[in-house]
Amino acid sequence: MSESVNSLHMLVGEVLRRRETDSRFRANVSRGLNPLTEQYAYPWVLPHVPSPYEQVVYLRVAGLVASYPNIPHSDKPTLGQSFRVLSEQRSGKRVDDETYQKHDAIAARLVSLQDQDLDGAVDTLRRLFDLNKKVQVPVNYFALARMLSRWGSGQSEASLAVRRRTLGDYYGAWSIKSFAPIESVDD
């Protein structure tokens, strides 16, 4: 594991451990989501950053993890699978049901996600997480961090593959067997 991946993994682990019990920590690290307030997260995030080029990714990832303490972590799902389950639970229908709307609001956001720069992608993910506040479908925060750390500019094949994976996991046949039961959610 490279130094960058290891330090980002350690940061996500620390935020997951402290976000429910340390409100001051959570509040300040959450401010790393916004370029105008990110300086409040510096004391907690920057000691983990191995290079100035990675500072923004670390701040945004830590901010996302800290901002949603009610959304549990799970190692099991991919991010696309989590959003698929969220979509199923919000609609009360399984994705393989022929009456299921294949391109709902969640899918629309995931389609736009792949064309965005890092901050745009983080804003879209924040809106998706806002939809998940009530339902609380588990998210793999380590996979989220890995994805955003490899986001790139969208010009290379590797960057495009990273950007497309979440949508592929959302629609892919390999994701049909969701990891969580369907429960109807009232909006």
Protein backbone atom coordinates (compact mmCIF):
# COMPACT_ATOMS: atom_id res chain seq x y z
CA MET A 1 0.00 0.00 0.00
CA SER A 2 1.48 3.37 -1.00
CA GLU A 3 2.06 6.12 1.54
CA SER A 4 -0.82 8.18 0.11
CA VAL A 5 -3.33 5.33 0.19
CA ASN A 6 -2.22 4.30 3.67
CA SER A 7 -2.43 7.83 5.10
CA LEU A 8 -5.85 8.43 3.53
CA HIS A 9 -7.04 5.09 4.90
CA MET A 10 -5.78 6.08 8.37
CA LEU A 11 -7.53 9.46 8.12
CA VAL A 12 -10.87 7.87 7.14
CA GLY A 13 -10.51 5.41 10.01
CA GLU A 14 -9.86 8.22 12.48
CA VAL A 15 -12.84 10.24 11.25
CA LEU A 16 -15.09 7.16 11.48
CA ARG A 17 -13.93 6.55 15.07
CA ARG A 18 -14.37 10.14 16.23
CA ARG A 19 -17.34 11.50 14.26
CA GLU A 20 -20.02 10.26 16.68
CA THR A 21 -18.31 11.11 19.96
CA ASP A 22 -16.31 14.29 19.33
CA SER A 23 -18.66 17.03 18.14
CA ARG A 24 -15.93 19.68 17.90
CA PHE A 25 -13.79 17.40 15.74
CA ARG A 26 -16.79 16.47 13.55
CA ALA A 27 -17.87 20.10 13.09
CA ASN A 28 -14.42 21.30 12.09
CA VAL A 29 -13.57 18.36 9.83
CA SER A 30 -16.98 18.67 8.14
CA ARG A 31 -16.02 22.18 7.09
CA GLY A 32 -13.38 20.62 4.85
CA LEU A 33 -16.16 20.05 2.30
CA ASN A 34 -16.20 23.70 1.32
CA PRO A 35 -13.20 25.60 -0.13
CA LEU A 36 -14.33 28.72 1.78
CA THR A 37 -14.28 27.00 5.19
CA GLU A 38 -11.75 24.20 4.72
CA GLN A 39 -9.15 25.96 6.89
CA TYR A 40 -11.09 24.86 10.00
CA ALA A 41 -10.30 21.24 9.11
CA TYR A 42 -6.56 21.82 8.63
CA PRO A 43 -5.43 20.92 12.19
CA TRP A 44 -7.09 17.49 11.94
CA VAL A 45 -6.63 16.65 8.27
CA LEU A 46 -3.33 18.13 7.08
CA PRO A 47 -1.12 16.04 9.42
CA HIS A 48 -2.27 13.02 7.36
CA VAL A 49 -1.53 14.59 3.94
CA PRO A 50 1.78 13.34 2.47
CA SER A 51 1.88 15.87 -0.39
CA PRO A 52 0.41 19.33 -1.04
CA TYR A 53 -1.09 17.98 -4.28
CA GLU A 54 -3.37 15.68 -2.27
CA GLN A 55 -4.60 18.26 0.24
CA VAL A 56 -7.95 18.97 -1.43
CA VAL A 57 -8.85 15.27 -1.79
CA TYR A 58 -8.08 14.60 1.88
CA LEU A 59 -10.11 17.61 3.02
CA ARG A 60 -13.14 16.68 0.90
CA VAL A 61 -13.07 12.98 1.83
CA ALA A 62 -12.72 13.72 5.56
CA GLY A 63 -15.47 16.33 5.28
CA LEU A 64 -17.88 13.85 3.67
CA VAL A 65 -17.17 11.15 6.23
CA ALA A 66 -17.52 13.56 9.16
CA SER A 67 -20.71 15.17 7.85
CA TYR A 68 -22.80 12.00 7.91
CA PRO A 69 -22.37 10.23 11.26
CA ASN A 70 -25.84 8.69 10.93
CA ILE A 71 -24.87 6.87 7.70
CA PRO A 72 -23.05 3.73 8.84
CA HIS A 73 -19.85 2.35 7.36
CA SER A 74 -19.73 -1.12 5.84
CA ASP A 75 -16.88 -2.87 4.06
CA LYS A 76 -19.31 -4.92 1.98
CA PRO A 77 -20.91 -2.74 -0.70
CA THR A 78 -19.40 -0.74 -3.51
CA LEU A 79 -20.56 2.86 -3.65
CA GLY A 80 -22.77 2.08 -6.67
CA GLN A 81 -24.36 -0.84 -4.81
CA SER A 82 -25.11 1.41 -1.83
CA PHE A 83 -26.81 3.95 -4.08
CA ARG A 84 -28.72 1.16 -5.81
CA VAL A 85 -30.06 -0.06 -2.46
CA LEU A 86 -30.91 3.54 -1.53
CA SER A 87 -32.86 3.88 -4.78
CA GLU A 88 -34.68 0.59 -4.14
CA GLN A 89 -35.55 1.54 -0.59
CA ARG A 90 -36.80 4.98 -1.56
CA SER A 91 -39.00 3.56 -4.33
CA GLY A 92 -40.05 0.40 -2.49
CA LYS A 93 -39.26 -1.65 -5.61
CA ARG A 94 -36.40 -3.90 -6.58
CA VAL A 95 -34.25 -2.89 -9.50
CA ASP A 96 -35.15 -6.10 -11.34
CA ASP A 97 -38.90 -5.28 -11.03
CA GLU A 98 -40.15 -4.32 -14.52
CA THR A 99 -42.08 -1.33 -13.09
CA TYR A 100 -38.94 0.04 -11.44
CA GLN A 101 -37.90 3.40 -12.82
CA LYS A 102 -34.41 2.63 -14.13
CA HIS A 103 -33.30 6.26 -14.29
CA ASP A 104 -34.47 7.93 -11.09
CA ALA A 105 -33.01 11.00 -9.36
CA ILE A 106 -30.17 8.95 -7.89
CA ALA A 107 -29.22 7.48 -11.27
CA ALA A 108 -29.40 10.95 -12.86
CA ARG A 109 -26.94 12.28 -10.28
CA LEU A 110 -24.63 9.32 -10.86
CA VAL A 111 -24.69 9.94 -14.63
CA SER A 112 -23.65 13.57 -14.09
CA LEU A 113 -21.01 12.56 -11.53
CA GLN A 114 -18.59 11.21 -14.13
CA ASP A 115 -18.36 14.57 -15.95
CA GLN A 116 -17.52 16.67 -12.89
CA ASP A 117 -14.28 17.89 -11.41
CA LEU A 118 -13.43 16.84 -7.86
CA ASP A 119 -15.37 19.59 -6.07
CA GLY A 120 -18.40 19.09 -8.33
CA ALA A 121 -18.27 15.35 -7.67
CA VAL A 122 -18.09 15.95 -3.92
CA ASP A 123 -21.13 18.27 -4.12
CA THR A 124 -23.07 15.59 -6.01
CA LEU A 125 -22.03 12.93 -3.50
CA ARG A 126 -23.10 15.25 -0.68
CA ARG A 127 -26.56 15.57 -2.25
CA LEU A 128 -26.77 11.77 -2.60
CA PHE A 129 -25.72 11.37 1.04
CA ASP A 130 -28.42 13.90 2.00
CA LEU A 131 -30.97 11.57 0.36
CA ASN A 132 -29.51 8.75 2.44
CA LYS A 133 -29.76 10.51 5.83
CA LYS A 134 -33.18 9.07 6.58
CA VAL A 135 -32.70 5.64 5.00
CA GLN A 136 -29.15 5.14 6.30
CA VAL A 137 -27.93 2.60 3.74
CA PRO A 138 -24.37 1.65 4.75
CA VAL A 139 -21.55 3.17 2.69
CA ASN A 140 -18.01 1.92 2.25
CA TYR A 141 -16.16 5.11 3.17
CA PHE A 142 -12.77 3.58 2.39
CA ALA A 143 -13.94 2.83 -1.18
CA LEU A 144 -15.27 6.40 -1.40
CA ALA A 145 -11.86 7.73 -0.37
CA ARG A 146 -10.09 5.47 -2.85
CA MET A 147 -12.40 6.62 -5.66
CA LEU A 148 -11.95 10.33 -4.96
CA SER A 149 -8.17 9.96 -4.54
CA ARG A 150 -8.04 8.53 -8.09
CA TRP A 151 -10.60 10.92 -9.59
CA GLY A 152 -8.15 12.70 -11.86
CA SER A 153 -9.12 15.09 -14.63
CA GLY A 154 -11.25 12.68 -16.64
CA GLN A 155 -8.79 12.74 -19.54
CA SER A 156 -6.98 9.42 -19.08
CA GLU A 157 -8.47 5.95 -19.46
CA ALA A 158 -7.68 5.25 -15.78
CA SER A 159 -9.49 8.39 -14.63
CA LEU A 160 -12.48 7.64 -16.85
CA ALA A 161 -12.66 4.08 -15.49
CA VAL A 162 -12.72 5.38 -11.90
CA ARG A 163 -15.45 7.87 -12.77
CA ARG A 164 -17.63 5.27 -14.54
CA ARG A 165 -17.36 2.54 -11.94
CA THR A 166 -20.00 3.86 -9.52
CA LEU A 167 -22.62 4.09 -12.27
CA GLY A 168 -21.59 0.66 -13.56
CA ASP A 169 -21.98 -0.82 -10.08
CA TYR A 170 -25.38 0.87 -9.76
CA TYR A 171 -26.76 -0.67 -12.96
CA GLY A 172 -24.61 -3.79 -13.27
CA ALA A 173 -26.11 -7.27 -13.15
CA TRP A 174 -23.49 -8.15 -10.51
CA SER A 175 -25.25 -5.70 -8.17
CA ILE A 176 -28.80 -7.03 -8.49
CA LYS A 177 -28.53 -9.07 -5.31
CA SER A 178 -28.41 -6.15 -2.91
CA PHE A 179 -26.79 -6.50 0.48
CA ALA A 180 -29.71 -4.96 2.40
CA PRO A 181 -33.41 -5.82 2.55
CA ILE A 182 -35.98 -3.57 0.94
CA GLU A 183 -37.99 -1.42 3.28
CA SER A 184 -40.35 1.25 2.06
CA VAL A 185 -39.44 4.78 3.12
CA ASP A 186 -41.93 7.61 3.38
CA ASP A 187 -40.58 10.91 2.08
